[in-house]
Amino acid sequence: MSSLTTFVNCPTLQDRLDAVFCQSGGAEPLPLIGFLFSNENNVINLEQQMIQGTNIKTLQLTYSRRVLESEVDNYINYDTCTAPAKRGETSTTYTFDETKGLEIARKFDFADLWRRCESNELYFARLISDLIDGAERKMETQAAQYLVAGVGGFATIDTDGVAGNVKSVGTKLSDGTIDYDAHQMIMQSARFNQFCTAPIIAGDYDIVNYYDAIGVGCCAQTGLDFASVAQGIPTILPSYRIGTAFSNDTSKFLVMEAGAALPVWFNQYSGQLGAALSSETMQFGTVVSRRGIPFDLSVIRDCNTVHVKLSLAWDLFFKPTDMYENSDILDGVTGILTFDVSNP
C-alpha cells in the first residue's frame, strides 16, 4: 500500500468584509452633532436646567430688550429728578417634547448564532455599535433639519448681498480664480450681527472647497478642534446634510455663533431607575457613544428571542426672535444666518 500523496483543501473561510476592505461609508464624520454636543457649544448647559435626572422641567427665561438709542436724550435736564417710564422685561418658555427624537430596534434568535464563526459576545457588541452608528447618522440629519428651521434674520445694517433673509457671496471670480471677498463678507456679518464667538460655517460643496483653497478656518473633516472658536478662528463643519435640509440646494450654508443652538436630551433609564427596572430577562440602562452622546438601551429576552432597542429623546433650542425691539438694528437676529454661494 502506497503512502498518501493528496492534500485536503481548506474549507470556506469566513471573515468580516470590513476587516478586509475599507468599507465605504464606515465611520462617517458627523461634525454637526459633534459640535452641538461639545463643551465649546454648551458653555451654559440648557440640558442641566431642563432635565434633572428623570424629571423634565418647563423652563421660563426672562430677558429685557436692550435700550434703544432713541430712548437716550441728547441733553441733560437738571430741572427734574424723575423718570418718564419703567424698564420692563419679557420671557420665553422652553418645553421639551419627550416623543421627539429617534429609536431603532432589532432582534435575534439564539439559533441565529449557533453556527456563526463570530463569538456571541462579539456579535452582541457589534450589534450595539451598529445601532449607535445608525442612530448618530440619523441625529446628524435631524440636526441639519433643526438648524435650517431655526435660522434668524440679519442685522438691518448687514445689507450687502442680502435678499429674502439670505446673503449671497461669491467664491470665484468670472475668470475662475478665488474671490477672497466671501470670507470677508462672512466675517463682516459675524461682526454686524454681534456674534459672541468666531463664526461656525456649516455646509459643503462650494463653501468647503473655498475654505480649503484659501487655507482659513479649522479643521480637517476628522479631528475637529472646536477650541479654535474661542481663539477667533472660524470653524468649518463640512456637512452635505445642510444643503439637503435646504430642499437639496447645495449652494446654501449656515453661519452661526457657538451657543446659538443648544441640544437638550432625556434618558428615561438614567441613574438608578434603569437598574431598578432590570431583571434576569430585562435590562435597561444607558450606553454612551464615542461622541459622548448617551442613548437609552433596553435588552429584553422573550423565550429564545432577544429584542434590542436603542433610543434618545432630543431636540435643539434657539434664542427667541424678539430679543430686540422692532426698531433695533438686531431685530430678528438669533445668531444663525443663511448664506448662499452665487458665482458668475
Protein backbone atom coordinates (compact mmCIF):
# COMPACT_ATOMS: atom_id res chain seq x y z
CA MET A 1 0.00 0.00 0.00
CA SER A 2 1.46 3.36 -1.04
CA SER A 3 1.71 6.47 1.11
CA LEU A 4 -0.86 9.31 0.80
CA THR A 5 0.08 11.88 -1.81
CA THR A 6 -3.02 14.14 -1.84
CA PHE A 7 -3.98 17.11 0.34
CA VAL A 8 -7.23 18.26 1.96
CA ASN A 9 -8.40 21.65 0.76
CA CYS A 10 -9.13 24.31 3.35
CA PRO A 11 -12.87 24.75 3.99
CA THR A 12 -14.55 28.00 3.09
CA LEU A 13 -13.22 30.76 5.32
CA GLN A 14 -15.40 33.44 6.83
CA ASP A 15 -14.33 36.89 7.92
CA ARG A 16 -15.88 40.32 8.23
CA LEU A 17 -15.89 42.35 4.99
CA ASP A 18 -14.81 45.49 6.87
CA ALA A 19 -11.82 43.57 8.25
CA VAL A 20 -10.53 43.04 4.69
CA PHE A 21 -11.70 46.11 2.75
CA CYS A 22 -12.09 49.75 3.73
CA GLN A 23 -15.87 49.77 3.94
CA SER A 24 -17.26 52.75 2.08
CA GLY A 25 -19.43 54.85 4.39
CA GLY A 26 -17.94 53.47 7.58
CA ALA A 27 -17.06 55.84 10.42
CA GLU A 28 -18.71 58.79 8.72
CA PRO A 29 -17.69 62.19 10.15
CA LEU A 30 -20.66 63.80 11.87
CA PRO A 31 -19.50 67.37 12.52
CA LEU A 32 -22.91 68.87 13.35
CA ILE A 33 -23.72 66.74 16.38
CA GLY A 34 -20.04 66.66 17.24
CA PHE A 35 -20.09 70.45 17.58
CA LEU A 36 -23.60 70.83 19.04
CA PHE A 37 -22.84 68.40 21.88
CA SER A 38 -19.34 69.79 22.52
CA ASN A 39 -18.35 71.78 25.59
CA GLU A 40 -17.49 74.75 23.36
CA ASN A 41 -21.13 75.00 22.26
CA ASN A 42 -22.62 74.25 25.68
CA VAL A 43 -20.83 76.72 27.92
CA ILE A 44 -24.19 77.42 29.58
CA ASN A 45 -25.81 73.98 29.74
CA LEU A 46 -29.51 74.27 28.94
CA GLU A 47 -29.76 70.49 29.32
CA GLN A 48 -28.95 70.66 33.04
CA GLN A 49 -31.67 73.25 33.62
CA MET A 50 -34.46 71.47 31.72
CA ILE A 51 -33.65 67.85 32.58
CA GLN A 52 -32.99 66.91 36.19
CA GLY A 53 -32.49 63.18 36.49
CA THR A 54 -35.62 61.59 35.07
CA ASN A 55 -37.70 64.74 35.58
CA ILE A 56 -38.48 67.09 32.69
CA LYS A 57 -38.86 70.78 33.54
CA THR A 58 -40.51 73.51 31.51
CA LEU A 59 -38.05 76.39 31.59
CA GLN A 60 -39.02 80.06 31.55
CA LEU A 61 -36.24 82.51 30.72
CA THR A 62 -36.78 86.20 31.34
CA TYR A 63 -34.96 88.96 29.49
CA SER A 64 -35.01 92.70 28.94
CA ARG A 65 -34.59 94.01 25.42
CA ARG A 66 -31.61 96.30 25.12
CA VAL A 67 -32.19 100.05 25.37
CA LEU A 68 -32.71 101.84 22.08
CA GLU A 69 -30.53 104.82 21.25
CA SER A 70 -33.71 106.79 20.57
CA GLU A 71 -34.63 106.38 24.24
CA VAL A 72 -31.49 108.22 25.31
CA ASP A 73 -31.80 112.02 25.36
CA ASN A 74 -29.01 114.04 23.81
CA TYR A 75 -29.21 116.68 26.53
CA ILE A 76 -29.16 116.84 30.34
CA ASN A 77 -32.22 118.13 32.22
CA TYR A 78 -31.14 119.48 35.60
CA ASP A 79 -34.67 120.59 36.48
CA THR A 80 -36.10 117.11 37.13
CA CYS A 81 -35.11 114.00 39.02
CA THR A 82 -37.98 111.77 37.86
CA ALA A 83 -38.11 109.10 35.14
CA PRO A 84 -40.79 109.08 32.43
CA ALA A 85 -41.20 105.27 32.16
CA LYS A 86 -40.35 101.90 33.70
CA ARG A 87 -37.89 99.44 32.18
CA GLY A 88 -39.83 96.21 31.72
CA GLU A 89 -38.98 92.66 30.79
CA THR A 90 -40.49 89.72 28.96
CA SER A 91 -39.94 85.98 28.88
CA THR A 92 -39.86 82.93 26.66
CA THR A 93 -40.74 79.36 27.59
CA TYR A 94 -38.88 76.23 26.52
CA THR A 95 -40.82 72.96 26.68
CA PHE A 96 -39.22 69.63 25.91
CA ASP A 97 -41.18 67.06 23.88
CA GLU A 98 -40.04 63.63 25.07
CA THR A 99 -41.56 61.97 21.97
CA LYS A 100 -39.26 63.88 19.61
CA GLY A 101 -36.07 62.03 18.81
CA LEU A 102 -35.14 58.65 17.36
CA GLU A 103 -35.12 54.94 18.04
CA ILE A 104 -34.08 51.74 16.34
CA ALA A 105 -34.91 48.18 17.43
CA ARG A 106 -33.58 44.84 16.20
CA LYS A 107 -34.00 41.24 17.37
CA PHE A 108 -32.20 37.93 17.04
CA ASP A 109 -32.88 34.33 18.00
CA PHE A 110 -30.35 32.25 19.87
CA ALA A 111 -30.48 29.75 17.00
CA ASP A 112 -29.22 32.51 14.65
CA LEU A 113 -25.87 32.47 16.45
CA TRP A 114 -25.18 28.75 16.80
CA ARG A 115 -23.23 28.22 13.57
CA ARG A 116 -21.62 31.63 13.20
CA CYS A 117 -17.84 31.99 13.23
CA GLU A 118 -18.07 35.09 15.44
CA SER A 119 -18.45 34.72 19.19
CA ASN A 120 -21.82 35.59 20.68
CA GLU A 121 -20.30 38.33 22.83
CA LEU A 122 -18.56 39.97 19.86
CA TYR A 123 -21.74 39.80 17.79
CA PHE A 124 -23.77 41.49 20.51
CA ALA A 125 -21.17 44.24 21.00
CA ARG A 126 -21.05 44.86 17.25
CA LEU A 127 -24.85 44.95 17.09
CA ILE A 128 -24.95 47.72 19.69
CA SER A 129 -22.16 49.57 17.84
CA ASP A 130 -24.05 49.29 14.54
CA LEU A 131 -27.26 50.63 16.12
CA ILE A 132 -25.37 53.58 17.61
CA ASP A 133 -23.77 54.34 14.25
CA GLY A 134 -27.14 54.39 12.52
CA ALA A 135 -28.72 56.45 15.30
CA GLU A 136 -25.97 59.08 15.24
CA ARG A 137 -26.18 59.45 11.47
CA LYS A 138 -29.92 59.93 11.85
CA MET A 139 -29.22 62.55 14.53
CA GLU A 140 -26.88 64.35 12.13
CA THR A 141 -29.69 64.56 9.56
CA GLN A 142 -32.13 65.75 12.23
CA ALA A 143 -29.62 68.35 13.43
CA ALA A 144 -29.34 69.79 9.92
CA GLN A 145 -33.13 69.99 9.64
CA TYR A 146 -33.49 71.61 13.07
CA LEU A 147 -30.75 74.15 12.33
CA VAL A 148 -32.22 75.17 8.99
CA ALA A 149 -35.65 75.55 10.61
CA GLY A 150 -34.14 77.70 13.38
CA VAL A 151 -32.38 80.38 11.30
CA GLY A 152 -32.88 84.03 12.22
CA GLY A 153 -32.54 87.29 10.37
CA PHE A 154 -29.72 89.69 9.51
CA ALA A 155 -28.99 92.97 11.25
CA THR A 156 -30.51 95.90 9.39
CA ILE A 157 -27.02 97.29 8.77
CA ASP A 158 -25.92 93.99 7.16
CA THR A 159 -27.35 94.65 3.71
CA ASP A 160 -24.57 93.83 1.24
CA GLY A 161 -25.78 90.83 -0.75
CA VAL A 162 -28.82 90.20 1.49
CA ALA A 163 -32.16 89.44 -0.17
CA GLY A 164 -35.05 87.47 1.29
CA ASN A 165 -33.12 86.81 4.50
CA VAL A 166 -30.30 85.12 2.56
CA LYS A 167 -26.85 86.62 1.98
CA SER A 168 -25.15 85.75 -1.31
CA VAL A 169 -21.38 85.56 -1.54
CA GLY A 170 -19.07 84.66 -4.40
CA THR A 171 -16.26 82.16 -4.05
CA LYS A 172 -14.95 82.56 -7.61
CA LEU A 173 -14.39 85.46 -9.97
CA SER A 174 -15.55 85.40 -13.57
CA ASP A 175 -12.17 84.01 -14.66
CA GLY A 176 -12.47 81.09 -12.21
CA THR A 177 -9.92 82.39 -9.69
CA ILE A 178 -10.66 82.67 -5.97
CA ASP A 179 -12.82 85.54 -4.75
CA TYR A 180 -11.43 86.38 -1.32
CA ASP A 181 -14.34 88.70 -0.55
CA ALA A 182 -16.54 85.75 0.52
CA HIS A 183 -14.59 85.21 3.73
CA GLN A 184 -14.50 88.93 4.43
CA MET A 185 -18.27 89.20 3.98
CA ILE A 186 -18.85 86.27 6.35
CA MET A 187 -16.62 87.86 8.98
CA GLN A 188 -18.38 91.19 8.43
CA SER A 189 -21.74 89.53 9.08
CA ALA A 190 -20.40 87.99 12.27
CA ARG A 191 -19.37 91.47 13.35
CA PHE A 192 -22.55 93.28 12.26
CA ASN A 193 -24.75 90.63 13.89
CA GLN A 194 -22.61 90.83 17.03
CA PHE A 195 -21.65 87.17 17.29
CA CYS A 196 -20.35 86.14 20.69
CA THR A 197 -17.74 83.85 19.07
CA ALA A 198 -15.91 83.29 15.82
CA PRO A 199 -18.33 82.10 13.11
CA ILE A 200 -19.20 78.43 12.70
CA ILE A 201 -19.71 77.63 9.00
CA ALA A 202 -21.87 74.57 8.32
CA GLY A 203 -22.34 73.30 4.78
CA ASP A 204 -20.44 71.64 1.99
CA TYR A 205 -19.59 71.72 -1.71
CA ASP A 206 -18.56 75.23 -2.87
CA ILE A 207 -18.10 76.78 0.56
CA VAL A 208 -15.94 73.93 1.92
CA ASN A 209 -13.86 73.88 -1.27
CA TYR A 210 -13.45 77.64 -0.90
CA TYR A 211 -12.11 77.47 2.64
CA ASP A 212 -9.84 74.58 1.70
CA ALA A 213 -8.45 76.76 -1.10
CA ILE A 214 -7.84 79.91 0.96
CA GLY A 215 -6.41 77.96 3.92
CA VAL A 216 -8.54 79.72 6.53
CA GLY A 217 -10.60 78.04 9.21
CA CYS A 218 -10.29 74.94 11.31
CA CYS A 219 -10.15 71.96 10.67
CA ALA A 220 -10.00 68.61 8.91
CA GLN A 221 -13.16 66.54 8.50
CA THR A 222 -11.91 64.22 11.21
CA GLY A 223 -10.40 65.65 14.35
CA LEU A 224 -12.26 68.96 14.55
CA ASP A 225 -10.72 71.28 17.12
CA PHE A 226 -13.71 73.19 18.47
CA ALA A 227 -11.50 75.09 20.90
CA SER A 228 -10.42 77.20 17.93
CA VAL A 229 -13.77 79.02 18.18
CA ALA A 230 -12.63 80.74 21.35
CA GLN A 231 -9.43 81.80 19.57
CA GLY A 232 -11.32 83.78 16.93
CA ILE A 233 -10.74 81.21 14.18
CA PRO A 234 -13.74 80.23 12.02
CA THR A 235 -14.68 76.58 12.32
CA ILE A 236 -15.82 74.71 9.21
CA LEU A 237 -18.36 71.90 9.65
CA PRO A 238 -18.39 70.01 6.31
CA SER A 239 -21.96 68.69 6.16
CA TYR A 240 -23.75 67.84 2.92
CA ARG A 241 -26.89 67.42 5.02
CA ILE A 242 -27.25 71.21 5.34
CA GLY A 243 -27.81 71.51 1.59
CA THR A 244 -30.24 68.59 1.74
CA ALA A 245 -32.17 70.33 4.52
CA PHE A 246 -32.39 73.42 2.27
CA SER A 247 -34.55 71.42 -0.17
CA ASN A 248 -31.43 69.98 -1.84
CA ASP A 249 -29.96 73.42 -2.51
CA THR A 250 -26.24 72.66 -2.23
CA SER A 251 -25.25 76.30 -2.67
CA LYS A 252 -26.71 77.26 0.73
CA PHE A 253 -24.86 77.07 4.04
CA LEU A 254 -25.21 78.34 7.60
CA VAL A 255 -23.09 80.79 9.55
CA MET A 256 -23.70 80.77 13.29
CA GLU A 257 -22.16 81.55 16.64
CA ALA A 258 -21.42 78.99 19.34
CA GLY A 259 -24.35 78.65 21.72
CA ALA A 260 -26.98 79.73 19.18
CA ALA A 261 -28.41 76.19 19.07
CA LEU A 262 -28.42 74.17 22.28
CA PRO A 263 -29.25 70.46 22.45
CA VAL A 264 -31.43 69.01 25.19
CA TRP A 265 -31.85 65.26 25.64
CA PHE A 266 -33.68 62.95 28.01
CA ASN A 267 -32.69 59.48 29.23
CA GLN A 268 -35.57 57.58 30.78
CA TYR A 269 -33.24 54.84 32.07
CA SER A 270 -30.59 57.10 33.61
CA GLY A 271 -29.35 56.77 37.17
CA GLN A 272 -30.76 54.07 39.43
CA LEU A 273 -34.09 53.78 37.60
CA GLY A 274 -32.65 51.55 34.89
CA ALA A 275 -31.18 49.20 37.46
CA ALA A 276 -34.45 49.14 39.41
CA LEU A 277 -36.40 48.11 36.30
CA SER A 278 -33.93 45.44 35.24
CA SER A 279 -34.32 41.72 35.93
CA GLU A 280 -32.93 38.43 34.69
CA THR A 281 -34.82 38.72 31.38
CA MET A 282 -34.87 42.53 31.01
CA GLN A 283 -32.02 45.02 31.11
CA PHE A 284 -32.47 48.80 30.98
CA GLY A 285 -29.77 51.45 31.05
CA THR A 286 -27.81 53.97 29.03
CA VAL A 287 -24.85 53.49 26.71
CA VAL A 288 -22.57 56.40 25.79
CA SER A 289 -21.21 56.68 22.26
CA ARG A 290 -17.65 57.69 21.45
CA ARG A 291 -19.02 61.19 20.75
CA GLY A 292 -20.30 61.38 24.31
CA ILE A 293 -23.99 61.03 23.42
CA PRO A 294 -25.95 58.90 25.93
CA PHE A 295 -28.58 56.59 24.42
CA ASP A 296 -31.28 54.65 26.22
CA LEU A 297 -30.79 50.90 25.76
CA SER A 298 -33.22 48.10 26.51
CA VAL A 299 -32.49 44.38 26.06
CA ILE A 300 -35.48 42.09 26.58
CA ARG A 301 -35.46 38.30 26.31
CA ASP A 302 -38.72 36.73 25.15
CA CYS A 303 -38.22 32.97 25.32
CA ASN A 304 -35.39 32.34 22.79
CA THR A 305 -35.62 35.73 21.11
CA VAL A 306 -33.74 38.84 22.22
CA HIS A 307 -35.13 42.31 21.45
CA VAL A 308 -32.66 45.23 21.50
CA LYS A 309 -33.84 48.84 21.33
CA LEU A 310 -31.72 51.99 21.23
CA SER A 311 -33.39 55.40 21.54
CA LEU A 312 -32.88 59.03 22.50
CA ALA A 313 -35.38 61.82 23.03
CA TRP A 314 -33.65 65.05 21.99
CA ASP A 315 -34.20 68.47 20.42
CA LEU A 316 -32.45 71.75 19.61
CA PHE A 317 -33.48 75.03 21.20
CA PHE A 318 -32.78 78.54 19.90
CA LYS A 319 -32.84 82.14 21.00
CA PRO A 320 -36.20 83.91 20.69
CA THR A 321 -36.63 86.12 17.62
CA ASP A 322 -37.93 89.02 19.74
CA MET A 323 -34.84 89.57 21.88
CA TYR A 324 -34.55 93.10 20.43
CA GLU A 325 -37.01 95.91 19.91
CA ASN A 326 -38.62 96.29 16.48
CA SER A 327 -36.55 99.36 15.65
CA ASP A 328 -33.27 97.84 16.90
CA ILE A 329 -30.69 97.05 14.23
CA LEU A 330 -30.57 93.49 15.65
CA ASP A 331 -34.32 92.88 15.48
CA GLY A 332 -34.85 89.22 14.49
CA VAL A 333 -31.18 88.24 14.94
CA THR A 334 -30.69 84.86 16.64
CA GLY A 335 -27.08 84.07 15.82
CA ILE A 336 -27.85 81.72 12.90
CA LEU A 337 -27.69 83.13 9.35
CA THR A 338 -28.39 81.69 5.91
CA PHE A 339 -25.82 82.21 3.16
CA ASP A 340 -25.77 81.27 -0.49
CA VAL A 341 -22.86 80.81 -2.92
CA SER A 342 -23.54 82.72 -6.13
CA ASN A 343 -20.72 82.73 -8.67
CA PRO A 344 -20.61 84.43 -12.10
